[in-house]
Amino acid sequence: MSVRIELLNASFNKKDFSCGKDMLDDYLHLQASQDVKRKLCVVFVMAEENIIQGYYTLSNAAIPTELIPEAIQKKMPRSYKSLPVTLLGRLAIDKNFKGKGLGAILLIDALKRCYEIGSKSVGSIGVVVDPLDDDAIAFYERFGFVLLPTSGKMFLPMADIAKLEL
């Protein structure tokens, strides 16, 4: 399957996108373009012509060192109170395209970008997500993400991303 994933721009039809989760739909419809203009994140869309099949967002973030798994903490300087990560803030597939493996394709694309950026341009020890529900948790667990205690966030270290077949 050949897919096109590129930066969100005005040529895409955002208003017809619906993944069935109001928070994710409303974000794309009402806020995504403004967040991009404000440099709060970048939004990547998977599209066929101008129809958005799915999207995800990436931004820089930091998380408290004590939330990181202990095996990784031991390798980090003790002086760091928080550690740089890449936030995969949102990931959604339009309900008309669900069940075709597009979520996995989008996630792998996001992880590949995160790894490349984290290796060459901006420090990042891993990718963090904020899953919305149990379905999202199960999805991310399939790719090796682990829940971070007391935060509701999930984490995948760059070392594990390097082992994925990207």
Protein backbone atom coordinates (compact mmCIF):
# COMPACT_ATOMS: atom_id res chain seq x y z
CA MET A 1 0.00 0.00 0.00
CA SER A 2 1.40 3.36 -1.00
CA VAL A 3 0.56 6.12 1.45
CA ARG A 4 1.27 9.82 1.48
CA ILE A 5 2.13 11.40 4.82
CA GLU A 6 2.94 15.08 4.83
CA LEU A 7 2.60 18.26 6.81
CA LEU A 8 -0.89 19.63 7.30
CA ASN A 9 -1.68 22.53 4.99
CA ALA A 10 -4.73 24.42 3.75
CA SER A 11 -5.29 22.08 0.80
CA PHE A 12 -6.58 19.28 3.05
CA ASN A 13 -10.26 18.83 3.87
CA LYS A 14 -10.21 18.90 7.68
CA LYS A 15 -13.94 19.43 8.22
CA ASP A 16 -14.96 15.94 7.02
CA PHE A 17 -12.46 14.08 9.24
CA SER A 18 -14.11 12.01 11.95
CA CYS A 19 -12.44 9.36 14.06
CA GLY A 20 -15.38 9.17 16.46
CA LYS A 21 -13.57 10.82 19.38
CA ASP A 22 -14.68 14.41 19.80
CA MET A 23 -11.42 15.55 21.36
CA LEU A 24 -9.37 14.33 18.38
CA ASP A 25 -11.90 15.48 15.78
CA ASP A 26 -12.28 18.94 17.35
CA TYR A 27 -8.52 19.32 17.56
CA LEU A 28 -8.06 18.79 13.83
CA HIS A 29 -11.10 20.90 12.89
CA LEU A 30 -10.53 23.84 15.22
CA GLN A 31 -7.03 23.99 16.67
CA ALA A 32 -4.41 22.13 14.65
CA SER A 33 -3.69 24.90 12.13
CA GLN A 34 -3.35 27.48 14.91
CA ASP A 35 -0.99 25.23 16.87
CA VAL A 36 1.18 24.83 13.78
CA LYS A 37 1.26 28.61 13.23
CA ARG A 38 2.21 29.12 16.89
CA LYS A 39 4.98 26.49 16.58
CA LEU A 40 3.42 24.41 19.36
CA CYS A 41 3.59 21.24 17.27
CA VAL A 42 3.73 19.90 13.77
CA VAL A 43 0.79 18.00 12.32
CA PHE A 44 1.33 15.23 9.82
CA VAL A 45 -1.58 13.90 7.79
CA MET A 46 -2.04 10.71 5.85
CA ALA A 47 -4.12 11.61 2.84
CA GLU A 48 -5.42 10.49 -0.48
CA GLU A 49 -5.85 13.55 -2.67
CA ASN A 50 -7.21 16.10 -0.15
CA ILE A 51 -9.05 13.57 2.05
CA ILE A 52 -7.41 13.08 5.44
CA GLN A 53 -7.30 9.42 6.43
CA GLY A 54 -5.41 10.02 9.66
CA TYR A 55 -3.09 12.41 11.44
CA TYR A 56 -0.59 12.74 14.26
CA THR A 57 1.16 15.57 16.07
CA LEU A 58 4.74 15.88 17.30
CA SER A 59 6.33 18.37 19.66
CA ASN A 60 9.23 18.67 22.07
CA ALA A 61 8.59 17.90 25.70
CA ALA A 62 10.30 16.95 28.93
CA ILE A 63 9.23 14.56 31.62
CA PRO A 64 10.40 14.30 35.22
CA THR A 65 13.35 11.96 35.52
CA GLU A 66 11.64 9.93 38.25
CA LEU A 67 8.93 8.86 35.78
CA ILE A 68 11.44 7.25 33.41
CA PRO A 69 12.00 3.50 33.89
CA GLU A 70 14.78 2.86 36.40
CA ALA A 71 17.04 1.07 33.91
CA ILE A 72 17.14 4.24 31.80
CA GLN A 73 17.42 6.58 34.81
CA LYS A 74 20.62 4.83 35.85
CA LYS A 75 22.24 5.82 32.54
CA MET A 76 21.31 9.50 32.86
CA PRO A 77 23.20 12.25 34.70
CA ARG A 78 21.79 12.68 38.20
CA SER A 79 21.71 16.46 37.77
CA TYR A 80 18.80 16.31 35.31
CA LYS A 81 15.43 16.91 37.00
CA SER A 82 13.64 16.27 33.70
CA LEU A 83 14.65 14.59 30.49
CA PRO A 84 13.97 15.56 26.87
CA VAL A 85 11.45 13.48 24.96
CA THR A 86 9.34 13.82 21.85
CA LEU A 87 5.62 14.04 22.47
CA LEU A 88 3.37 12.17 20.08
CA GLY A 89 0.43 14.28 21.20
CA ARG A 90 -2.37 12.94 19.04
CA LEU A 91 -2.85 10.10 16.59
CA ALA A 92 -6.19 9.40 14.93
CA ILE A 93 -7.62 7.50 11.96
CA ASP A 94 -10.83 8.56 10.22
CA LYS A 95 -13.55 5.99 10.95
CA ASN A 96 -13.98 5.37 7.21
CA PHE A 97 -10.42 4.01 7.08
CA LYS A 98 -10.22 2.03 10.34
CA GLY A 99 -9.24 -1.61 10.31
CA LYS A 100 -6.78 -1.24 7.44
CA GLY A 101 -3.58 -0.96 9.48
CA LEU A 102 -3.28 2.79 8.93
CA GLY A 103 -2.81 3.48 12.66
CA ALA A 104 0.28 1.30 12.68
CA ILE A 105 1.59 2.97 9.53
CA LEU A 106 1.12 6.42 11.08
CA LEU A 107 2.76 5.36 14.34
CA ILE A 108 5.77 3.84 12.56
CA ASP A 109 6.11 7.01 10.47
CA ALA A 110 6.00 9.11 13.65
CA LEU A 111 8.55 6.90 15.43
CA LYS A 112 10.85 7.02 12.42
CA ARG A 113 10.71 10.83 12.38
CA CYS A 114 11.26 10.98 16.14
CA TYR A 115 14.27 8.69 15.91
CA GLU A 116 15.84 10.65 13.06
CA ILE A 117 15.30 13.97 14.81
CA GLY A 118 16.45 12.58 18.16
CA SER A 119 19.59 11.18 16.56
CA LYS A 120 20.60 14.18 14.49
CA SER A 121 18.87 17.43 15.40
CA VAL A 122 17.31 17.68 18.87
CA GLY A 123 18.06 15.61 21.96
CA SER A 124 15.33 13.15 22.88
CA ILE A 125 15.63 9.96 24.93
CA GLY A 126 12.30 8.57 23.76
CA VAL A 127 8.71 9.13 22.71
CA VAL A 128 5.88 9.86 25.12
CA VAL A 129 2.15 9.50 24.45
CA ASP A 130 -0.95 10.37 26.47
CA PRO A 131 -3.39 7.58 25.58
CA LEU A 132 -7.06 8.62 25.72
CA ASP A 133 -8.49 5.26 26.71
CA ASP A 134 -7.86 1.53 27.16
CA ASP A 135 -8.00 0.93 23.40
CA ALA A 136 -5.19 3.45 22.91
CA ILE A 137 -3.17 1.88 25.72
CA ALA A 138 -3.50 -1.56 24.10
CA PHE A 139 -2.50 -0.11 20.71
CA TYR A 140 0.67 1.51 22.05
CA GLU A 141 1.58 -1.54 24.15
CA ARG A 142 1.71 -3.60 20.94
CA PHE A 143 4.63 -1.41 19.87
CA GLY A 144 6.49 -1.67 23.19
CA PHE A 145 5.32 1.49 24.97
CA VAL A 146 5.20 1.13 28.76
CA LEU A 147 2.98 2.97 31.21
CA LEU A 148 4.78 5.53 33.35
CA PRO A 149 3.73 5.36 37.00
CA THR A 150 1.15 7.87 38.26
CA SER A 151 1.26 9.95 35.09
CA GLY A 152 -1.09 8.20 32.67
CA LYS A 153 1.63 8.63 30.04
CA MET A 154 3.35 5.90 28.08
CA PHE A 155 7.01 5.84 27.04
CA LEU A 156 9.14 4.16 24.39
CA PRO A 157 12.92 4.71 24.62
CA MET A 158 14.90 5.65 21.53
CA ALA A 159 16.99 2.52 22.03
CA ASP A 160 13.86 0.42 21.53
CA ILE A 161 12.77 2.51 18.55
CA ALA A 162 16.19 1.87 16.99
CA LYS A 163 15.43 -1.88 17.14
CA LEU A 164 12.11 -1.55 15.32
CA GLU A 165 12.18 -2.22 11.61
CA LEU A 166 11.64 1.33 10.43
